[in-house]
Amino acid sequence: MNTKDRKPPRGYYLIVEETADRFLFSPPEGQRRRLAMMFLIVGFLFLAAEIHVFQTHPPLDEMLEAAQTGADRLSTILTFLAFPLVGGGFLVAASFAWGWWSEIEFDASRREIIRRRHAFGQVKTVATLPFNRLEGIEVMKTGGLYALPAYHVLIFGHRRVWAKLPGYADRYQAEAIGRKLVRFMGHPVTTKPGGAG
């Protein structure tokens, strides 16, 4: 076995449950918690910056009265609104990172792939794809000259990309996951590496 396959995969979706009959890919809870905490901290930093604006600037109504032009008024309003809007956006992102995510299950007993969405305690099956409707699994590289490369495992069905396991940092690990899924499903399709690594 290649030593690169021994390192734990680094991707947005990881195998959180693996049995003889089931593979479950999901963003692990620890990963979601870290992302939510990061958004939460940044959101609170922006809100703290807004408190600083209120403490160091005259009241908004006084500044609006002193403004000479419409552009000055707009600039004044943006001074007071920018930080809470951005901070609020990060707090919303934190709640979504913690309470909203998708998972993909490969079920050998039912011989189908299932996409589910978790939304703040509610679980909904979004789509299913029978193993015999699988048209292929391909690894695609994203990222360009100035962006970090990432590799997506694309699952093809119904003549389109039916689902993807995104964001793997290592092409060999993404290809190993594709091969593992093909073997698990006992499917004749082969994985196709996409893009030069």
Protein backbone atom coordinates (compact mmCIF):
# COMPACT_ATOMS: atom_id res chain seq x y z
CA MET A 1 0.00 0.00 0.00
CA ASN A 2 1.19 3.48 -0.81
CA THR A 3 2.24 5.35 2.34
CA LYS A 4 0.12 8.29 1.19
CA ASP A 5 -3.00 6.13 1.70
CA ARG A 6 -2.10 5.64 5.38
CA LYS A 7 -2.51 9.31 6.29
CA PRO A 8 -6.04 10.23 7.41
CA PRO A 9 -8.01 11.88 4.60
CA ARG A 10 -8.44 15.63 4.83
CA GLY A 11 -11.70 16.72 3.27
CA TYR A 12 -15.01 18.31 4.00
CA TYR A 13 -16.79 14.92 3.92
CA LEU A 14 -15.17 12.06 5.81
CA ILE A 15 -16.28 8.50 6.50
CA VAL A 16 -17.95 8.80 9.90
CA GLU A 17 -19.37 5.27 9.86
CA GLU A 18 -18.04 2.24 8.00
CA THR A 19 -19.50 -1.26 8.22
CA ALA A 20 -19.80 -4.20 5.83
CA ASP A 21 -23.16 -2.82 4.63
CA ARG A 22 -22.80 0.92 5.02
CA PHE A 23 -20.53 3.87 4.30
CA LEU A 24 -21.65 7.19 5.76
CA PHE A 25 -19.91 10.38 4.60
CA SER A 26 -20.53 13.53 6.61
CA PRO A 27 -18.70 16.57 7.94
CA PRO A 28 -17.60 15.23 11.36
CA GLU A 29 -19.10 16.94 14.39
CA GLY A 30 -15.71 18.18 15.58
CA GLN A 31 -15.04 19.78 12.20
CA ARG A 32 -18.45 21.46 12.19
CA ARG A 33 -17.92 22.64 15.79
CA ARG A 34 -14.53 24.18 14.93
CA LEU A 35 -15.98 25.98 11.91
CA ALA A 36 -18.95 27.25 13.93
CA MET A 37 -16.67 28.48 16.73
CA MET A 38 -14.44 30.27 14.23
CA PHE A 39 -17.45 32.07 12.69
CA LEU A 40 -18.79 32.84 16.18
CA ILE A 41 -15.53 34.44 17.33
CA VAL A 42 -15.21 36.53 14.16
CA GLY A 43 -18.86 37.61 14.49
CA PHE A 44 -18.31 38.75 18.08
CA LEU A 45 -15.15 40.62 17.06
CA PHE A 46 -17.16 42.61 14.52
CA LEU A 47 -19.85 43.33 17.13
CA ALA A 48 -17.14 44.47 19.57
CA ALA A 49 -15.82 46.78 16.84
CA GLU A 50 -19.34 48.25 16.57
CA ILE A 51 -19.38 48.94 20.32
CA HIS A 52 -16.08 50.76 19.85
CA VAL A 53 -17.65 52.85 17.04
CA PHE A 54 -20.53 53.83 19.32
CA GLN A 55 -18.13 54.79 22.11
CA THR A 56 -15.78 56.88 19.96
CA HIS A 57 -18.25 58.61 17.59
CA PRO A 58 -20.96 61.15 18.33
CA PRO A 59 -24.57 59.82 18.23
CA LEU A 60 -25.83 58.87 14.78
CA ASP A 61 -28.53 61.59 14.65
CA GLU A 62 -25.95 64.29 15.39
CA MET A 63 -23.63 63.01 12.67
CA LEU A 64 -26.50 62.88 10.16
CA GLU A 65 -27.44 66.49 10.96
CA ALA A 66 -23.82 67.57 10.46
CA ALA A 67 -23.53 65.75 7.12
CA GLN A 68 -23.37 68.17 4.17
CA THR A 69 -24.32 65.88 1.28
CA GLY A 70 -26.20 62.67 0.61
CA ALA A 71 -22.87 60.88 0.19
CA ASP A 72 -21.81 62.05 3.66
CA ARG A 73 -25.06 60.74 5.15
CA LEU A 74 -24.63 57.39 3.41
CA SER A 75 -21.04 57.14 4.66
CA THR A 76 -22.20 57.93 8.19
CA ILE A 77 -24.94 55.29 8.09
CA LEU A 78 -22.51 52.70 6.71
CA THR A 79 -20.08 53.50 9.52
CA PHE A 80 -22.73 52.45 12.02
CA LEU A 81 -24.20 49.56 10.02
CA ALA A 82 -21.19 47.83 8.47
CA PHE A 83 -19.85 46.08 11.57
CA PRO A 84 -23.19 44.77 12.87
CA LEU A 85 -24.21 43.54 9.42
CA VAL A 86 -20.95 41.67 8.87
CA GLY A 87 -20.90 40.43 12.46
CA GLY A 88 -24.50 39.26 12.18
CA GLY A 89 -23.62 37.46 8.94
CA PHE A 90 -20.85 35.55 10.69
CA LEU A 91 -23.20 34.61 13.55
CA VAL A 92 -25.73 33.27 11.02
CA ALA A 93 -22.90 31.35 9.31
CA ALA A 94 -21.94 29.89 12.71
CA SER A 95 -25.47 28.62 13.27
CA PHE A 96 -25.56 27.06 9.80
CA ALA A 97 -22.12 25.45 10.25
CA TRP A 98 -23.34 23.85 13.47
CA GLY A 99 -26.96 22.98 12.62
CA TRP A 100 -27.18 22.53 8.83
CA TRP A 101 -25.19 19.95 6.89
CA SER A 102 -25.54 17.19 4.31
CA GLU A 103 -24.48 13.56 4.36
CA ILE A 104 -24.17 10.82 1.77
CA GLU A 105 -24.80 7.19 2.65
CA PHE A 106 -23.85 4.15 0.57
CA ASP A 107 -26.21 1.34 1.65
CA ALA A 108 -25.29 -2.13 0.36
CA SER A 109 -28.39 -3.81 1.80
CA ARG A 110 -30.73 -1.48 -0.11
CA ARG A 111 -28.18 -1.13 -2.94
CA GLU A 112 -28.57 2.60 -3.20
CA ILE A 113 -26.85 5.89 -2.46
CA ILE A 114 -28.81 8.28 -0.27
CA ARG A 115 -28.33 12.04 0.08
CA ARG A 116 -29.70 13.56 3.28
CA ARG A 117 -29.85 17.05 4.71
CA HIS A 118 -29.78 17.84 8.43
CA ALA A 119 -31.44 21.17 9.21
CA PHE A 120 -31.52 22.17 12.87
CA GLY A 121 -32.75 18.81 14.17
CA GLN A 122 -34.78 17.82 11.09
CA VAL A 123 -33.45 15.11 8.75
CA LYS A 124 -34.69 14.96 5.16
CA THR A 125 -33.80 12.51 2.38
CA VAL A 126 -33.01 14.70 -0.62
CA ALA A 127 -32.42 12.05 -3.30
CA THR A 128 -31.55 8.39 -3.82
CA LEU A 129 -29.57 6.70 -6.58
CA PRO A 130 -29.68 2.90 -7.05
CA PHE A 131 -26.27 1.29 -7.46
CA ASN A 132 -27.28 0.07 -10.94
CA ARG A 133 -27.93 3.68 -12.02
CA LEU A 134 -24.43 4.80 -11.09
CA GLU A 135 -22.65 5.97 -14.24
CA GLY A 136 -19.18 6.58 -12.84
CA ILE A 137 -16.99 8.07 -10.16
CA GLU A 138 -14.43 10.69 -11.10
CA VAL A 139 -11.86 12.74 -9.21
CA MET A 140 -11.74 16.38 -10.28
CA LYS A 141 -9.13 18.94 -9.30
CA THR A 142 -10.20 22.49 -8.48
CA GLY A 143 -8.11 25.53 -7.70
CA GLY A 144 -5.83 27.49 -9.92
CA LEU A 145 -2.50 29.29 -9.84
CA TYR A 146 -3.30 31.39 -6.75
CA ALA A 147 -5.76 29.03 -5.01
CA LEU A 148 -4.96 25.94 -3.00
CA PRO A 149 -5.82 22.83 -5.02
CA ALA A 150 -8.62 20.60 -3.81
CA TYR A 151 -9.98 17.35 -5.19
CA HIS A 152 -13.65 16.43 -5.40
CA VAL A 153 -14.95 12.87 -5.73
CA LEU A 154 -17.80 13.24 -8.25
CA ILE A 155 -20.60 10.66 -8.39
CA PHE A 156 -22.36 10.53 -11.75
CA GLY A 157 -25.96 9.43 -12.24
CA HIS A 158 -28.83 10.46 -14.53
CA ARG A 159 -26.23 11.88 -16.98
CA ARG A 160 -24.99 14.53 -14.56
CA VAL A 161 -23.01 14.99 -11.37
CA TRP A 162 -25.48 13.48 -8.92
CA ALA A 163 -23.41 14.17 -5.78
CA LYS A 164 -19.89 15.07 -4.78
CA LEU A 165 -17.60 14.50 -1.84
CA PRO A 166 -15.74 17.81 -1.87
CA GLY A 167 -12.54 19.37 -0.72
CA TYR A 168 -9.88 16.66 -0.35
CA ALA A 169 -6.38 18.10 -0.12
CA ASP A 170 -4.65 15.01 -1.51
CA ARG A 171 -5.37 13.55 -4.97
CA TYR A 172 -4.23 10.05 -3.95
CA GLN A 173 -6.61 10.00 -0.99
CA ALA A 174 -9.52 11.20 -3.16
CA GLU A 175 -8.77 8.48 -5.73
CA ALA A 176 -8.47 5.86 -2.93
CA ILE A 177 -11.93 6.85 -1.67
CA GLY A 178 -13.33 6.51 -5.21
CA ARG A 179 -11.80 3.04 -5.60
CA LYS A 180 -13.09 2.00 -2.16
CA LEU A 181 -16.62 3.03 -3.11
CA VAL A 182 -16.49 1.18 -6.42
CA ARG A 183 -15.32 -2.00 -4.65
CA PHE A 184 -17.95 -1.56 -1.94
CA MET A 185 -20.76 -1.32 -4.49
CA GLY A 186 -19.38 -4.25 -6.51
CA HIS A 187 -19.83 -2.04 -9.54
CA PRO A 188 -18.04 -2.49 -12.85
CA VAL A 189 -17.47 1.26 -13.23
CA THR A 190 -13.93 2.44 -12.69
CA THR A 191 -12.78 5.69 -11.19
CA LYS A 192 -11.31 8.29 -13.50
CA PRO A 193 -8.68 10.66 -12.13
CA GLY A 194 -9.38 14.20 -13.29
CA GLY A 195 -6.74 16.86 -13.83
CA ALA A 196 -3.04 16.72 -13.36
CA GLY A 197 -1.94 16.70 -9.76
